[in-house]
Amino acid sequence: MILIGSFHLLKLPELTKLKNRIKKNEGYLSQIYLDQLGKQTIGYGHLIKKSEKFLLKKKYSKQFLNSIFENDFRLAINDFNKYYNSKKLHPNAHEVLIEMIFQLGIKKTMKFKKFNHFLKQKLLFLAALEMLNSLWYVQTPRRVEGLVKMLLGFK
């Protein structure tokens, strides 16, 4: 069993599968690029903070950028543990929330008020409708559709 904070994953393959799905959904570039909102990003969807110094045209090693991904992933798990009671959520919601937190950040994920309410009530279909009725869906429709399927147990 792997323990990250209080988030338990019973099998290493499940953890690896989640990481690989996030990496696939994020895509990868070894140098700075602009995300869909025009923000500087690098590697596997790492939003560059003002305090971070990356050179504009430099290509960074996959090993270095993977270490940044691992840290971002750990932060998403920590935020999940801090803001959600996993024991009270349907198991399908865990990975969906972690990926949402990874992509959007915890502050934006928490702004999905109706979605979060429905998750706590285990009303997965209504939570899924909230995902589809969002600007997030307009910005990344394939990703959201995949997460909706996962939430509803179709994937």
C-alpha atoms as a PDB file:
ATOM      1  CA  MET A   1       0.000   0.000   0.000  1.00  0.00           C
ATOM      2  CA  ILE A   2       1.205   3.497  -0.789  1.00  0.00           C
ATOM      3  CA  LEU A   3       0.367   6.308   1.584  1.00  0.00           C
ATOM      4  CA  ILE A   4       0.555   9.938   0.514  1.00  0.00           C
ATOM      5  CA  GLY A   5      -0.751  12.098   3.327  1.00  0.00           C
ATOM      6  CA  SER A   6      -3.939  10.356   4.327  1.00  0.00           C
ATOM      7  CA  PHE A   7      -4.772   9.349   0.756  1.00  0.00           C
ATOM      8  CA  HIS A   8      -4.460   5.597   0.371  1.00  0.00           C
ATOM      9  CA  LEU A   9      -3.900   3.898  -2.927  1.00  0.00           C
ATOM     10  CA  LEU A  10      -3.981   0.172  -2.493  1.00  0.00           C
ATOM     11  CA  LYS A  11      -1.938  -0.643  -5.555  1.00  0.00           C
ATOM     12  CA  LEU A  12       1.030   1.031  -7.185  1.00  0.00           C
ATOM     13  CA  PRO A  13      -0.497   0.448 -10.663  1.00  0.00           C
ATOM     14  CA  GLU A  14      -3.474   2.664  -9.730  1.00  0.00           C
ATOM     15  CA  LEU A  15      -1.161   5.497  -8.700  1.00  0.00           C
ATOM     16  CA  THR A  16       0.892   5.084 -11.867  1.00  0.00           C
ATOM     17  CA  LYS A  17      -2.275   4.996 -13.978  1.00  0.00           C
ATOM     18  CA  LEU A  18      -3.498   8.263 -12.446  1.00  0.00           C
ATOM     19  CA  LYS A  19      -0.142   9.966 -13.016  1.00  0.00           C
ATOM     20  CA  ASN A  20       0.049   8.700 -16.604  1.00  0.00           C
ATOM     21  CA  ARG A  21      -3.481   9.904 -17.361  1.00  0.00           C
ATOM     22  CA  ILE A  22      -2.706  13.357 -15.990  1.00  0.00           C
ATOM     23  CA  LYS A  23       0.519  13.479 -18.009  1.00  0.00           C
ATOM     24  CA  LYS A  24      -1.341  12.460 -21.166  1.00  0.00           C
ATOM     25  CA  ASN A  25      -4.076  15.029 -20.578  1.00  0.00           C
ATOM     26  CA  GLU A  26      -1.566  17.785 -19.828  1.00  0.00           C
ATOM     27  CA  GLY A  27       0.782  17.028 -22.702  1.00  0.00           C
ATOM     28  CA  TYR A  28       4.502  17.740 -22.467  1.00  0.00           C
ATOM     29  CA  LEU A  29       6.852  20.437 -23.681  1.00  0.00           C
ATOM     30  CA  SER A  30      10.446  20.822 -22.559  1.00  0.00           C
ATOM     31  CA  GLN A  31      10.394  24.595 -22.897  1.00  0.00           C
ATOM     32  CA  ILE A  32       8.044  27.369 -21.867  1.00  0.00           C
ATOM     33  CA  TYR A  33       4.714  27.552 -23.690  1.00  0.00           C
ATOM     34  CA  LEU A  34       1.460  29.421 -23.155  1.00  0.00           C
ATOM     35  CA  ASP A  35      -1.490  27.412 -21.865  1.00  0.00           C
ATOM     36  CA  GLN A  36      -5.067  27.917 -23.094  1.00  0.00           C
ATOM     37  CA  LEU A  37      -5.405  30.946 -20.842  1.00  0.00           C
ATOM     38  CA  GLY A  38      -2.149  32.480 -22.091  1.00  0.00           C
ATOM     39  CA  LYS A  39      -0.180  31.687 -18.925  1.00  0.00           C
ATOM     40  CA  GLN A  40       3.433  30.521 -19.024  1.00  0.00           C
ATOM     41  CA  THR A  41       3.644  26.780 -18.492  1.00  0.00           C
ATOM     42  CA  ILE A  42       6.303  24.093 -18.817  1.00  0.00           C
ATOM     43  CA  GLY A  43       6.672  20.315 -18.711  1.00  0.00           C
ATOM     44  CA  TYR A  44       3.470  18.483 -17.844  1.00  0.00           C
ATOM     45  CA  GLY A  45       1.227  21.500 -17.335  1.00  0.00           C
ATOM     46  CA  HIS A  46       3.281  23.178 -14.613  1.00  0.00           C
ATOM     47  CA  LEU A  47       2.068  26.753 -14.268  1.00  0.00           C
ATOM     48  CA  ILE A  48       5.188  28.871 -13.805  1.00  0.00           C
ATOM     49  CA  LYS A  49       5.035  30.974 -10.651  1.00  0.00           C
ATOM     50  CA  LYS A  50       6.484  34.489 -10.472  1.00  0.00           C
ATOM     51  CA  SER A  51       9.141  33.249  -8.045  1.00  0.00           C
ATOM     52  CA  GLU A  52      10.364  30.589 -10.495  1.00  0.00           C
ATOM     53  CA  LYS A  53      13.083  31.404 -12.981  1.00  0.00           C
ATOM     54  CA  PHE A  54      12.886  29.579 -16.304  1.00  0.00           C
ATOM     55  CA  LEU A  55      14.686  30.756 -19.423  1.00  0.00           C
ATOM     56  CA  LEU A  56      12.326  31.446 -22.307  1.00  0.00           C
ATOM     57  CA  LYS A  57      13.883  29.409 -25.124  1.00  0.00           C
ATOM     58  CA  LYS A  58      15.800  26.864 -23.066  1.00  0.00           C
ATOM     59  CA  LYS A  59      14.862  23.181 -23.321  1.00  0.00           C
ATOM     60  CA  TYR A  60      14.858  21.514 -19.912  1.00  0.00           C
ATOM     61  CA  SER A  61      15.560  17.836 -19.283  1.00  0.00           C
ATOM     62  CA  LYS A  62      12.687  15.404 -18.959  1.00  0.00           C
ATOM     63  CA  GLN A  63      14.156  14.237 -15.642  1.00  0.00           C
ATOM     64  CA  PHE A  64      14.045  17.795 -14.240  1.00  0.00           C
ATOM     65  CA  LEU A  65      10.518  18.442 -15.513  1.00  0.00           C
ATOM     66  CA  ASN A  66       9.336  15.061 -14.252  1.00  0.00           C
ATOM     67  CA  SER A  67      10.551  16.008 -10.763  1.00  0.00           C
ATOM     68  CA  ILE A  68       8.435  19.168 -11.022  1.00  0.00           C
ATOM     69  CA  PHE A  69       5.465  17.012 -12.091  1.00  0.00           C
ATOM     70  CA  GLU A  70       5.993  14.707  -9.082  1.00  0.00           C
ATOM     71  CA  ASN A  71       5.982  17.719  -6.754  1.00  0.00           C
ATOM     72  CA  ASP A  72       2.845  19.167  -8.397  1.00  0.00           C
ATOM     73  CA  PHE A  73       1.158  15.763  -8.117  1.00  0.00           C
ATOM     74  CA  ARG A  74       2.079  15.523  -4.419  1.00  0.00           C
ATOM     75  CA  LEU A  75       0.643  19.012  -3.867  1.00  0.00           C
ATOM     76  CA  ALA A  76      -2.628  17.994  -5.565  1.00  0.00           C
ATOM     77  CA  ILE A  77      -2.869  14.923  -3.292  1.00  0.00           C
ATOM     78  CA  ASN A  78      -2.144  17.083  -0.235  1.00  0.00           C
ATOM     79  CA  ASP A  79      -4.849  19.586  -1.227  1.00  0.00           C
ATOM     80  CA  PHE A  80      -7.292  16.738  -1.807  1.00  0.00           C
ATOM     81  CA  ASN A  81      -6.550  15.433   1.699  1.00  0.00           C
ATOM     82  CA  LYS A  82      -6.845  18.887   3.246  1.00  0.00           C
ATOM     83  CA  TYR A  83     -10.133  19.937   1.641  1.00  0.00           C
ATOM     84  CA  TYR A  84     -12.006  16.663   1.090  1.00  0.00           C
ATOM     85  CA  ASN A  85     -12.991  13.843   3.400  1.00  0.00           C
ATOM     86  CA  SER A  86     -12.268  10.878   1.163  1.00  0.00           C
ATOM     87  CA  LYS A  87     -14.229   8.505   3.407  1.00  0.00           C
ATOM     88  CA  LYS A  88     -17.419  10.463   2.741  1.00  0.00           C
ATOM     89  CA  LEU A  89     -16.954  10.607  -1.038  1.00  0.00           C
ATOM     90  CA  HIS A  90     -17.828   7.988  -3.590  1.00  0.00           C
ATOM     91  CA  PRO A  91     -14.571   6.237  -4.598  1.00  0.00           C
ATOM     92  CA  ASN A  92     -15.040   7.345  -8.234  1.00  0.00           C
ATOM     93  CA  ALA A  93     -14.699  10.964  -7.102  1.00  0.00           C
ATOM     94  CA  HIS A  94     -11.180  10.620  -5.654  1.00  0.00           C
ATOM     95  CA  GLU A  95      -9.156  10.484  -8.872  1.00  0.00           C
ATOM     96  CA  VAL A  96     -11.460  12.971 -10.595  1.00  0.00           C
ATOM     97  CA  LEU A  97     -10.894  15.500  -7.825  1.00  0.00           C
ATOM     98  CA  ILE A  98      -7.139  14.968  -7.761  1.00  0.00           C
ATOM     99  CA  GLU A  99      -6.941  15.565 -11.505  1.00  0.00           C
ATOM    100  CA  MET A 100      -9.156  18.641 -11.223  1.00  0.00           C
ATOM    101  CA  ILE A 101      -6.937  20.009  -8.464  1.00  0.00           C
ATOM    102  CA  PHE A 102      -3.837  19.261 -10.541  1.00  0.00           C
ATOM    103  CA  GLN A 103      -5.249  21.063 -13.584  1.00  0.00           C
ATOM    104  CA  LEU A 104      -7.190  23.924 -12.015  1.00  0.00           C
ATOM    105  CA  GLY A 105      -5.709  24.302  -8.545  1.00  0.00           C
ATOM    106  CA  ILE A 106      -7.565  23.875  -5.288  1.00  0.00           C
ATOM    107  CA  LYS A 107      -9.015  27.411  -5.237  1.00  0.00           C
ATOM    108  CA  LYS A 108     -10.757  26.982  -8.596  1.00  0.00           C
ATOM    109  CA  THR A 109     -11.851  23.429  -7.772  1.00  0.00           C
ATOM    110  CA  MET A 110     -13.482  24.690  -4.571  1.00  0.00           C
ATOM    111  CA  LYS A 111     -15.402  27.317  -6.595  1.00  0.00           C
ATOM    112  CA  PHE A 112     -17.465  24.497  -8.140  1.00  0.00           C
ATOM    113  CA  LYS A 113     -19.982  24.918  -5.308  1.00  0.00           C
ATOM    114  CA  LYS A 114     -22.855  22.850  -6.704  1.00  0.00           C
ATOM    115  CA  PHE A 115     -20.464  20.172  -7.993  1.00  0.00           C
ATOM    116  CA  ASN A 116     -18.835  19.844  -4.564  1.00  0.00           C
ATOM    117  CA  HIS A 117     -22.229  19.793  -2.844  1.00  0.00           C
ATOM    118  CA  PHE A 118     -23.462  16.992  -5.101  1.00  0.00           C
ATOM    119  CA  LEU A 119     -20.239  15.016  -4.561  1.00  0.00           C
ATOM    120  CA  LYS A 120     -20.694  15.195  -0.797  1.00  0.00           C
ATOM    121  CA  GLN A 121     -24.265  13.943  -1.249  1.00  0.00           C
ATOM    122  CA  LYS A 122     -22.957  11.167  -3.552  1.00  0.00           C
ATOM    123  CA  LEU A 123     -25.189  12.459  -6.345  1.00  0.00           C
ATOM    124  CA  LEU A 124     -22.659  11.682  -9.054  1.00  0.00           C
ATOM    125  CA  PHE A 125     -24.933  12.316 -12.029  1.00  0.00           C
ATOM    126  CA  LEU A 126     -25.751  15.829 -10.817  1.00  0.00           C
ATOM    127  CA  ALA A 127     -22.068  16.484 -10.062  1.00  0.00           C
ATOM    128  CA  ALA A 128     -21.236  15.345 -13.609  1.00  0.00           C
ATOM    129  CA  LEU A 129     -23.822  17.749 -15.041  1.00  0.00           C
ATOM    130  CA  GLU A 130     -22.126  20.585 -13.153  1.00  0.00           C
ATOM    131  CA  MET A 131     -18.791  19.598 -14.721  1.00  0.00           C
ATOM    132  CA  LEU A 132     -20.355  19.754 -18.178  1.00  0.00           C
ATOM    133  CA  ASN A 133     -22.078  23.071 -17.419  1.00  0.00           C
ATOM    134  CA  SER A 134     -18.852  24.974 -16.817  1.00  0.00           C
ATOM    135  CA  LEU A 135     -16.313  27.209 -18.496  1.00  0.00           C
ATOM    136  CA  TRP A 136     -13.785  24.465 -17.695  1.00  0.00           C
ATOM    137  CA  TYR A 137     -15.714  22.150 -20.043  1.00  0.00           C
ATOM    138  CA  VAL A 138     -15.654  24.794 -22.794  1.00  0.00           C
ATOM    139  CA  GLN A 139     -11.870  25.147 -22.366  1.00  0.00           C
ATOM    140  CA  THR A 140     -10.985  21.418 -22.177  1.00  0.00           C
ATOM    141  CA  PRO A 141     -14.008  19.401 -23.353  1.00  0.00           C
ATOM    142  CA  ARG A 142     -12.294  16.053 -24.018  1.00  0.00           C
ATOM    143  CA  ARG A 143     -10.616  16.048 -20.641  1.00  0.00           C
ATOM    144  CA  VAL A 144     -13.816  16.922 -18.785  1.00  0.00           C
ATOM    145  CA  GLU A 145     -15.799  14.313 -20.737  1.00  0.00           C
ATOM    146  CA  GLY A 146     -13.217  11.683 -19.766  1.00  0.00           C
ATOM    147  CA  LEU A 147     -13.449  12.688 -16.114  1.00  0.00           C
ATOM    148  CA  VAL A 148     -17.259  12.653 -16.261  1.00  0.00           C
ATOM    149  CA  LYS A 149     -17.131   9.083 -17.586  1.00  0.00           C
ATOM    150  CA  MET A 150     -14.759   8.134 -14.804  1.00  0.00           C
ATOM    151  CA  LEU A 151     -16.957   9.774 -12.169  1.00  0.00           C
ATOM    152  CA  LEU A 152     -19.989   7.884 -13.449  1.00  0.00           C
ATOM    153  CA  GLY A 153     -18.068   4.599 -13.598  1.00  0.00           C
ATOM    154  CA  PHE A 154     -17.880   4.250 -17.386  1.00  0.00           C
ATOM    155  CA  LYS A 155     -14.087   4.261 -17.576  1.00  0.00           C
END
